[in-house]
Amino acid sequence: MTTETPNKVLPQPSVLTEPYWEACRQGDLTMQRCEGCEAYQFYPRTICSHCGGQNLAWSTVSGRGRIKSFTIVRRGISRAYEAPYVLALINLEEGPCMMSSLVGCDPDTVVVGARVTVAFQSWSGDIEMPVFELVKPVDE
C-alpha cells in the first residue's frame, strides 16, 4: 500500500496565459488591461470583455481586494488538498473578481468583506499559484 500524496491538478499554461504564469513565477499578479477603455479583466481573453477592443496588454495589479463570497471545504477532493480550506471570490481593487484559496488563517474566522492581499504558493517547479491572505488590522 502506497502512502504517497497525490499531486495537485496543475493549470496548463497556453500562449494566451503564459505571461500571467510567468509573472506569478516572479511574484507579481498581472491582468490584462484594455488599451482602449482601460478596463482590467480576468481571466485572460483575446478581446476586451468590456468594450470588445483587441488591444490588450499585461499590467501588474496591486493584489489587494476584499472577499466577495467564500466557502469552507471540509473534505478535500483528494489527499493533495488538505482540508479544511477556504475557496473565495476576491473583488480586486482594480475591478476584476477572481477565485482563489485563502491561506494562513482559521477558516472559521473568515467573513465577507474582509481585506486580503495576494501571496504565492509553489505548486510545482513551473507553477506559482496566486493565493490570498487576510490583511491584519493595524492595531493587531
N, C-alpha and C. Protein backbone atom coordinates (compact mmCIF):
# COMPACT_ATOMS: atom_id res chain seq x y z
N MET A 1 0.85 -1.18 0.00
CA MET A 1 0.00 0.00 0.00
C MET A 1 0.89 1.24 0.00
N THR A 2 0.62 2.16 -0.92
CA THR A 2 1.41 3.38 -1.03
C THR A 2 0.77 4.50 -0.21
N THR A 3 1.62 5.33 0.38
CA THR A 3 1.12 6.45 1.16
C THR A 3 1.52 7.78 0.52
N GLU A 4 1.94 7.75 -0.73
CA GLU A 4 2.33 8.97 -1.42
C GLU A 4 1.14 9.92 -1.53
N THR A 5 1.41 11.19 -1.32
CA THR A 5 0.37 12.20 -1.50
C THR A 5 0.27 12.49 -3.00
N PRO A 6 -0.93 12.44 -3.54
CA PRO A 6 -1.08 12.74 -4.97
C PRO A 6 -0.77 14.20 -5.26
N ASN A 7 -0.42 14.47 -6.51
CA ASN A 7 -0.13 15.83 -6.93
C ASN A 7 -1.42 16.62 -7.12
N LYS A 8 -1.32 17.93 -6.93
CA LYS A 8 -2.45 18.81 -7.21
C LYS A 8 -2.65 18.90 -8.71
N VAL A 9 -3.87 19.17 -9.11
CA VAL A 9 -4.17 19.39 -10.52
C VAL A 9 -3.54 20.72 -10.91
N LEU A 10 -2.66 20.69 -11.91
CA LEU A 10 -1.94 21.90 -12.30
C LEU A 10 -2.58 22.55 -13.52
N PRO A 11 -2.58 23.88 -13.55
CA PRO A 11 -3.04 24.56 -14.77
C PRO A 11 -2.07 24.29 -15.90
N GLN A 12 -2.58 24.35 -17.11
CA GLN A 12 -1.76 24.14 -18.29
C GLN A 12 -1.60 25.47 -19.03
N PRO A 13 -0.49 26.18 -18.80
CA PRO A 13 -0.30 27.46 -19.47
C PRO A 13 -0.38 27.31 -21.00
N SER A 14 -0.96 28.32 -21.62
CA SER A 14 -1.10 28.35 -23.08
C SER A 14 -0.40 29.61 -23.59
N VAL A 15 -0.40 29.80 -24.89
CA VAL A 15 0.18 31.01 -25.46
C VAL A 15 -0.51 32.24 -24.87
N LEU A 16 -1.82 32.16 -24.67
CA LEU A 16 -2.58 33.29 -24.12
C LEU A 16 -2.25 33.54 -22.65
N THR A 17 -2.09 32.48 -21.86
CA THR A 17 -1.93 32.65 -20.41
C THR A 17 -0.49 32.64 -19.92
N GLU A 18 0.46 32.31 -20.75
CA GLU A 18 1.86 32.21 -20.31
C GLU A 18 2.38 33.50 -19.66
N PRO A 19 2.05 34.70 -20.18
CA PRO A 19 2.53 35.92 -19.48
C PRO A 19 2.02 36.01 -18.04
N TYR A 20 0.81 35.55 -17.80
CA TYR A 20 0.24 35.54 -16.45
C TYR A 20 1.06 34.63 -15.54
N TRP A 21 1.31 33.40 -16.01
CA TRP A 21 2.05 32.43 -15.19
C TRP A 21 3.50 32.84 -15.00
N GLU A 22 4.11 33.47 -15.99
CA GLU A 22 5.48 33.96 -15.85
C GLU A 22 5.53 35.04 -14.77
N ALA A 23 4.56 35.94 -14.77
CA ALA A 23 4.51 36.98 -13.73
C ALA A 23 4.33 36.35 -12.35
N CYS A 24 3.48 35.33 -12.25
CA CYS A 24 3.30 34.64 -10.96
C CYS A 24 4.62 34.04 -10.48
N ARG A 25 5.40 33.48 -11.41
CA ARG A 25 6.72 32.92 -11.03
C ARG A 25 7.63 34.01 -10.47
N GLN A 26 7.42 35.26 -10.92
CA GLN A 26 8.22 36.39 -10.45
C GLN A 26 7.63 37.04 -9.20
N GLY A 27 6.47 36.52 -8.73
CA GLY A 27 5.83 37.08 -7.54
C GLY A 27 4.96 38.29 -7.82
N ASP A 28 4.49 38.42 -9.07
CA ASP A 28 3.63 39.53 -9.45
C ASP A 28 2.29 39.01 -9.93
N LEU A 29 1.22 39.66 -9.52
CA LEU A 29 -0.11 39.36 -10.04
C LEU A 29 -0.38 40.33 -11.19
N THR A 30 -0.64 39.79 -12.36
CA THR A 30 -0.92 40.62 -13.52
C THR A 30 -2.28 40.28 -14.10
N MET A 31 -2.82 41.24 -14.81
CA MET A 31 -4.09 41.06 -15.51
C MET A 31 -4.00 41.80 -16.82
N GLN A 32 -4.86 41.40 -17.73
CA GLN A 32 -4.94 42.11 -18.99
C GLN A 32 -5.66 43.43 -18.75
N ARG A 33 -5.19 44.46 -19.46
CA ARG A 33 -5.83 45.78 -19.41
C ARG A 33 -6.02 46.24 -20.84
N CYS A 34 -7.23 46.69 -21.12
CA CYS A 34 -7.56 47.16 -22.46
C CYS A 34 -6.93 48.53 -22.68
N GLU A 35 -6.24 48.69 -23.80
CA GLU A 35 -5.64 49.97 -24.11
C GLU A 35 -6.67 50.97 -24.62
N GLY A 36 -7.87 50.49 -24.97
CA GLY A 36 -8.93 51.38 -25.43
C GLY A 36 -9.73 51.96 -24.28
N CYS A 37 -10.38 51.10 -23.50
CA CYS A 37 -11.25 51.57 -22.41
C CYS A 37 -10.55 51.56 -21.05
N GLU A 38 -9.34 51.01 -20.98
CA GLU A 38 -8.51 50.94 -19.78
C GLU A 38 -9.06 50.03 -18.68
N ALA A 39 -10.02 49.18 -19.00
CA ALA A 39 -10.57 48.25 -18.01
C ALA A 39 -9.65 47.04 -17.87
N TYR A 40 -9.56 46.54 -16.64
CA TYR A 40 -8.85 45.30 -16.37
C TYR A 40 -9.81 44.15 -16.57
N GLN A 41 -9.26 42.98 -16.89
CA GLN A 41 -10.11 41.79 -16.97
C GLN A 41 -9.34 40.58 -16.49
N PHE A 42 -10.10 39.67 -15.92
CA PHE A 42 -9.58 38.38 -15.51
C PHE A 42 -10.73 37.41 -15.63
N TYR A 43 -10.50 36.42 -16.28
CA TYR A 43 -9.44 35.59 -16.79
C TYR A 43 -8.99 36.10 -18.16
N PRO A 44 -7.79 35.70 -18.64
CA PRO A 44 -7.28 36.19 -19.92
C PRO A 44 -8.19 35.81 -21.10
N ARG A 45 -8.34 36.76 -22.02
CA ARG A 45 -9.14 36.56 -23.23
C ARG A 45 -8.43 37.25 -24.40
N THR A 46 -8.92 36.99 -25.59
CA THR A 46 -8.32 37.62 -26.77
C THR A 46 -8.92 38.98 -27.08
N ILE A 47 -10.10 39.30 -26.49
CA ILE A 47 -10.71 40.61 -26.67
C ILE A 47 -11.16 41.15 -25.31
N CYS A 48 -11.34 42.45 -25.25
CA CYS A 48 -11.79 43.09 -24.00
C CYS A 48 -13.23 42.71 -23.72
N SER A 49 -13.49 42.25 -22.51
CA SER A 49 -14.84 41.85 -22.13
C SER A 49 -15.73 43.05 -21.84
N HIS A 50 -15.16 44.25 -21.82
CA HIS A 50 -15.93 45.46 -21.54
C HIS A 50 -16.34 46.19 -22.82
N CYS A 51 -15.39 46.35 -23.76
CA CYS A 51 -15.67 47.15 -24.95
C CYS A 51 -15.46 46.39 -26.26
N GLY A 52 -14.94 45.17 -26.18
CA GLY A 52 -14.68 44.40 -27.40
C GLY A 52 -13.37 44.74 -28.09
N GLY A 53 -12.59 45.64 -27.49
CA GLY A 53 -11.31 46.03 -28.08
C GLY A 53 -10.34 44.86 -28.17
N GLN A 54 -9.41 44.97 -29.08
CA GLN A 54 -8.45 43.88 -29.30
C GLN A 54 -7.04 44.23 -28.86
N ASN A 55 -6.84 45.43 -28.33
CA ASN A 55 -5.51 45.83 -27.88
C ASN A 55 -5.42 45.66 -26.37
N LEU A 56 -4.94 44.51 -25.97
CA LEU A 56 -4.82 44.17 -24.56
C LEU A 56 -3.34 44.07 -24.18
N ALA A 57 -3.01 44.58 -23.01
CA ALA A 57 -1.64 44.50 -22.52
C ALA A 57 -1.68 43.96 -21.09
N TRP A 58 -0.60 43.30 -20.69
CA TRP A 58 -0.49 42.79 -19.33
C TRP A 58 -0.01 43.91 -18.42
N SER A 59 -0.65 44.01 -17.26
CA SER A 59 -0.33 45.06 -16.30
C SER A 59 -0.31 44.47 -14.89
N THR A 60 0.69 44.83 -14.11
CA THR A 60 0.75 44.38 -12.72
C THR A 60 -0.33 45.09 -11.92
N VAL A 61 -1.04 44.32 -11.09
CA VAL A 61 -2.08 44.89 -10.24
C VAL A 61 -1.63 44.81 -8.78
N SER A 62 -2.36 45.49 -7.91
CA SER A 62 -1.95 45.62 -6.50
C SER A 62 -1.99 44.30 -5.73
N GLY A 63 -2.90 43.40 -6.11
CA GLY A 63 -3.06 42.17 -5.35
C GLY A 63 -3.91 42.36 -4.11
N ARG A 64 -4.48 43.55 -3.95
CA ARG A 64 -5.34 43.83 -2.80
C ARG A 64 -6.81 43.73 -3.20
N GLY A 65 -7.62 43.27 -2.26
CA GLY A 65 -9.04 43.18 -2.54
C GLY A 65 -9.82 42.86 -1.29
N ARG A 66 -11.08 42.49 -1.52
CA ARG A 66 -11.98 42.12 -0.43
C ARG A 66 -12.71 40.84 -0.80
N ILE A 67 -13.02 40.05 0.21
CA ILE A 67 -13.75 38.80 -0.01
C ILE A 67 -15.18 39.13 -0.39
N LYS A 68 -15.59 38.63 -1.55
CA LYS A 68 -16.97 38.81 -2.03
C LYS A 68 -17.85 37.68 -1.51
N SER A 69 -17.32 36.48 -1.54
CA SER A 69 -18.03 35.29 -1.09
C SER A 69 -16.99 34.21 -0.83
N PHE A 70 -17.35 33.19 -0.07
CA PHE A 70 -16.40 32.12 0.19
C PHE A 70 -17.14 30.86 0.62
N THR A 71 -16.43 29.76 0.57
CA THR A 71 -16.92 28.51 1.11
C THR A 71 -15.77 27.82 1.81
N ILE A 72 -16.09 27.09 2.84
CA ILE A 72 -15.08 26.30 3.55
C ILE A 72 -15.24 24.86 3.09
N VAL A 73 -14.18 24.33 2.51
CA VAL A 73 -14.18 22.94 2.07
C VAL A 73 -13.66 22.12 3.23
N ARG A 74 -14.50 21.27 3.75
CA ARG A 74 -14.14 20.49 4.93
C ARG A 74 -13.66 19.08 4.57
N ARG A 75 -13.87 18.69 3.32
CA ARG A 75 -13.39 17.40 2.85
C ARG A 75 -12.82 17.61 1.45
N GLY A 76 -11.49 17.60 1.36
CA GLY A 76 -10.81 17.86 0.10
C GLY A 76 -11.15 16.85 -0.97
N ILE A 77 -10.97 17.28 -2.23
CA ILE A 77 -11.29 16.39 -3.35
C ILE A 77 -10.31 15.23 -3.46
N SER A 78 -9.14 15.38 -2.86
CA SER A 78 -8.16 14.29 -2.77
C SER A 78 -7.19 14.62 -1.65
N ARG A 79 -6.28 13.70 -1.36
CA ARG A 79 -5.28 13.94 -0.31
C ARG A 79 -4.31 15.05 -0.68
N ALA A 80 -4.31 15.48 -1.95
CA ALA A 80 -3.44 16.58 -2.37
C ALA A 80 -3.90 17.93 -1.82
N TYR A 81 -5.15 17.99 -1.40
CA TYR A 81 -5.73 19.24 -0.90
C TYR A 81 -6.14 19.03 0.56
N GLU A 82 -5.29 19.49 1.45
CA GLU A 82 -5.52 19.27 2.88
C GLU A 82 -6.69 20.14 3.37
N ALA A 83 -7.70 19.49 3.88
CA ALA A 83 -8.89 20.20 4.37
C ALA A 83 -8.76 20.41 5.88
N PRO A 84 -9.43 21.39 6.43
CA PRO A 84 -10.32 22.32 5.73
C PRO A 84 -9.51 23.41 5.02
N TYR A 85 -10.10 23.95 3.94
CA TYR A 85 -9.51 25.10 3.26
C TYR A 85 -10.62 26.00 2.76
N VAL A 86 -10.24 27.23 2.46
CA VAL A 86 -11.21 28.24 2.06
C VAL A 86 -11.02 28.57 0.59
N LEU A 87 -12.09 28.47 -0.18
CA LEU A 87 -12.13 28.98 -1.55
C LEU A 87 -12.93 30.27 -1.52
N ALA A 88 -12.37 31.31 -2.11
CA ALA A 88 -13.03 32.62 -2.02
C ALA A 88 -13.09 33.31 -3.37
N LEU A 89 -14.13 34.11 -3.55
CA LEU A 89 -14.20 35.06 -4.65
C LEU A 89 -13.65 36.37 -4.10
N ILE A 90 -12.66 36.92 -4.79
CA ILE A 90 -11.99 38.13 -4.34
C ILE A 90 -12.28 39.26 -5.32
N ASN A 91 -12.89 40.32 -4.83
CA ASN A 91 -13.05 41.53 -5.64
C ASN A 91 -11.76 42.33 -5.50
N LEU A 92 -11.00 42.40 -6.60
CA LEU A 92 -9.74 43.12 -6.57
C LEU A 92 -9.98 44.62 -6.69
N GLU A 93 -9.07 45.41 -6.14
CA GLU A 93 -9.18 46.87 -6.19
C GLU A 93 -9.33 47.38 -7.62
N GLU A 94 -8.70 46.70 -8.56
CA GLU A 94 -8.73 47.15 -9.95
C GLU A 94 -10.02 46.81 -10.67
N GLY A 95 -10.91 46.02 -10.04
CA GLY A 95 -12.20 45.72 -10.64
C GLY A 95 -12.53 44.26 -10.83
N PRO A 96 -11.63 43.46 -11.42
CA PRO A 96 -11.99 42.06 -11.65
C PRO A 96 -12.20 41.27 -10.36
N CYS A 97 -12.94 40.21 -10.50
CA CYS A 97 -13.17 39.26 -9.42
C CYS A 97 -12.45 37.97 -9.80
N MET A 98 -11.72 37.39 -8.87
CA MET A 98 -11.07 36.12 -9.16
C MET A 98 -11.29 35.14 -8.02
N MET A 99 -11.34 33.87 -8.38
CA MET A 99 -11.46 32.81 -7.38
C MET A 99 -10.07 32.34 -7.01
N SER A 100 -9.88 32.12 -5.71
CA SER A 100 -8.59 31.65 -5.23
C SER A 100 -8.76 31.04 -3.85
N SER A 101 -7.67 30.50 -3.34
CA SER A 101 -7.66 29.98 -1.98
C SER A 101 -7.27 31.08 -1.02
N LEU A 102 -7.81 31.00 0.19
CA LEU A 102 -7.43 31.88 1.28
C LEU A 102 -6.57 31.04 2.21
N VAL A 103 -5.37 31.50 2.50
CA VAL A 103 -4.42 30.69 3.28
C VAL A 103 -3.99 31.43 4.54
N GLY A 104 -3.41 30.66 5.48
CA GLY A 104 -2.82 31.24 6.67
C GLY A 104 -3.80 31.78 7.68
N CYS A 105 -5.00 31.21 7.71
CA CYS A 105 -6.00 31.69 8.68
C CYS A 105 -6.88 30.53 9.12
N ASP A 106 -7.56 30.74 10.22
CA ASP A 106 -8.56 29.79 10.69
C ASP A 106 -9.79 29.97 9.81
N PRO A 107 -10.20 28.94 9.06
CA PRO A 107 -11.35 29.09 8.16
C PRO A 107 -12.60 29.62 8.84
N ASP A 108 -12.78 29.31 10.10
CA ASP A 108 -13.99 29.74 10.80
C ASP A 108 -13.98 31.22 11.17
N THR A 109 -12.88 31.93 10.92
CA THR A 109 -12.81 33.36 11.21
C THR A 109 -13.03 34.22 9.97
N VAL A 110 -13.17 33.61 8.81
CA VAL A 110 -13.31 34.34 7.55
C VAL A 110 -14.69 34.96 7.46
N VAL A 111 -14.75 36.21 6.97
CA VAL A 111 -16.02 36.91 6.79
C VAL A 111 -16.03 37.62 5.45
N VAL A 112 -17.23 37.75 4.89
CA VAL A 112 -17.40 38.53 3.66
C VAL A 112 -17.00 39.97 3.96
N GLY A 113 -16.27 40.58 3.03
CA GLY A 113 -15.84 41.96 3.18
C GLY A 113 -14.45 42.11 3.76
N ALA A 114 -13.87 41.02 4.26
CA ALA A 114 -12.53 41.10 4.84
C ALA A 114 -11.52 41.49 3.77
N ARG A 115 -10.54 42.31 4.18
CA ARG A 115 -9.48 42.72 3.26
C ARG A 115 -8.46 41.60 3.12
N VAL A 116 -7.96 41.42 1.89
CA VAL A 116 -6.98 40.38 1.60
C VAL A 116 -5.88 40.94 0.70
N THR A 117 -4.77 40.22 0.66
CA THR A 117 -3.68 40.56 -0.23
C THR A 117 -3.12 39.28 -0.83
N VAL A 118 -2.57 39.38 -2.02
CA VAL A 118 -2.08 38.21 -2.73
C VAL A 118 -0.77 37.71 -2.14
N ALA A 119 -0.59 36.40 -2.22
CA ALA A 119 0.66 35.71 -1.90
C ALA A 119 0.79 34.63 -2.96
N PHE A 120 1.87 33.90 -2.95
CA PHE A 120 2.06 32.84 -3.96
C PHE A 120 2.52 31.57 -3.28
N GLN A 121 1.97 30.44 -3.74
CA GLN A 121 2.38 29.12 -3.27
C GLN A 121 2.95 28.35 -4.44
N SER A 122 4.05 27.66 -4.20
CA SER A 122 4.66 26.83 -5.23
C SER A 122 3.90 25.51 -5.32
N TRP A 123 3.30 25.27 -6.48
CA TRP A 123 2.58 24.02 -6.70
C TRP A 123 3.42 23.03 -7.51
N SER A 124 4.44 23.53 -8.18
CA SER A 124 5.37 22.68 -8.93
C SER A 124 6.57 23.55 -9.27
N GLY A 125 7.51 23.00 -10.00
CA GLY A 125 8.67 23.77 -10.41
C GLY A 125 8.32 24.91 -11.36
N ASP A 126 7.19 24.80 -12.03
CA ASP A 126 6.79 25.81 -13.01
C ASP A 126 5.59 26.65 -12.61
N ILE A 127 4.85 26.22 -11.60
CA ILE A 127 3.60 26.92 -11.26
C ILE A 127 3.68 27.51 -9.86
N GLU A 128 3.60 28.83 -9.81
CA GLU A 128 3.41 29.57 -8.57
C GLU A 128 1.96 30.02 -8.59
N MET A 129 1.18 29.51 -7.66
CA MET A 129 -0.26 29.76 -7.65
C MET A 129 -0.58 30.98 -6.79
N PRO A 130 -1.31 31.96 -7.35
CA PRO A 130 -1.73 33.08 -6.53
C PRO A 130 -2.78 32.64 -5.52
N VAL A 131 -2.56 32.95 -4.27
CA VAL A 131 -3.48 32.68 -3.18
C VAL A 131 -3.61 33.99 -2.41
N PHE A 132 -4.51 34.04 -1.46
CA PHE A 132 -4.71 35.29 -0.72
C PHE A 132 -4.62 35.05 0.77
N GLU A 133 -4.19 36.10 1.48
CA GLU A 133 -4.09 36.10 2.93
C GLU A 133 -4.91 37.25 3.47
N LEU A 134 -5.47 37.06 4.66
CA LEU A 134 -6.19 38.14 5.32
C LEU A 134 -5.22 39.25 5.68
N VAL A 135 -5.65 40.49 5.53
CA VAL A 135 -4.86 41.64 5.96
C VAL A 135 -5.19 41.89 7.42
N LYS A 136 -4.18 41.88 8.25
CA LYS A 136 -4.39 42.08 9.67
C LYS A 136 -4.63 43.56 9.95
N PRO A 137 -5.57 43.89 10.82
CA PRO A 137 -5.76 45.31 11.20
C PRO A 137 -4.49 45.87 11.82
N VAL A 138 -4.29 47.17 11.69
CA VAL A 138 -3.08 47.84 12.17
C VAL A 138 -2.88 47.65 13.67
N ASP A 139 -3.96 47.60 14.44
CA ASP A 139 -3.82 47.52 15.89
C ASP A 139 -3.53 46.10 16.42
N GLU A 140 -3.37 45.13 15.54
CA GLU A 140 -3.05 43.77 16.00
C GLU A 140 -1.56 43.55 16.08
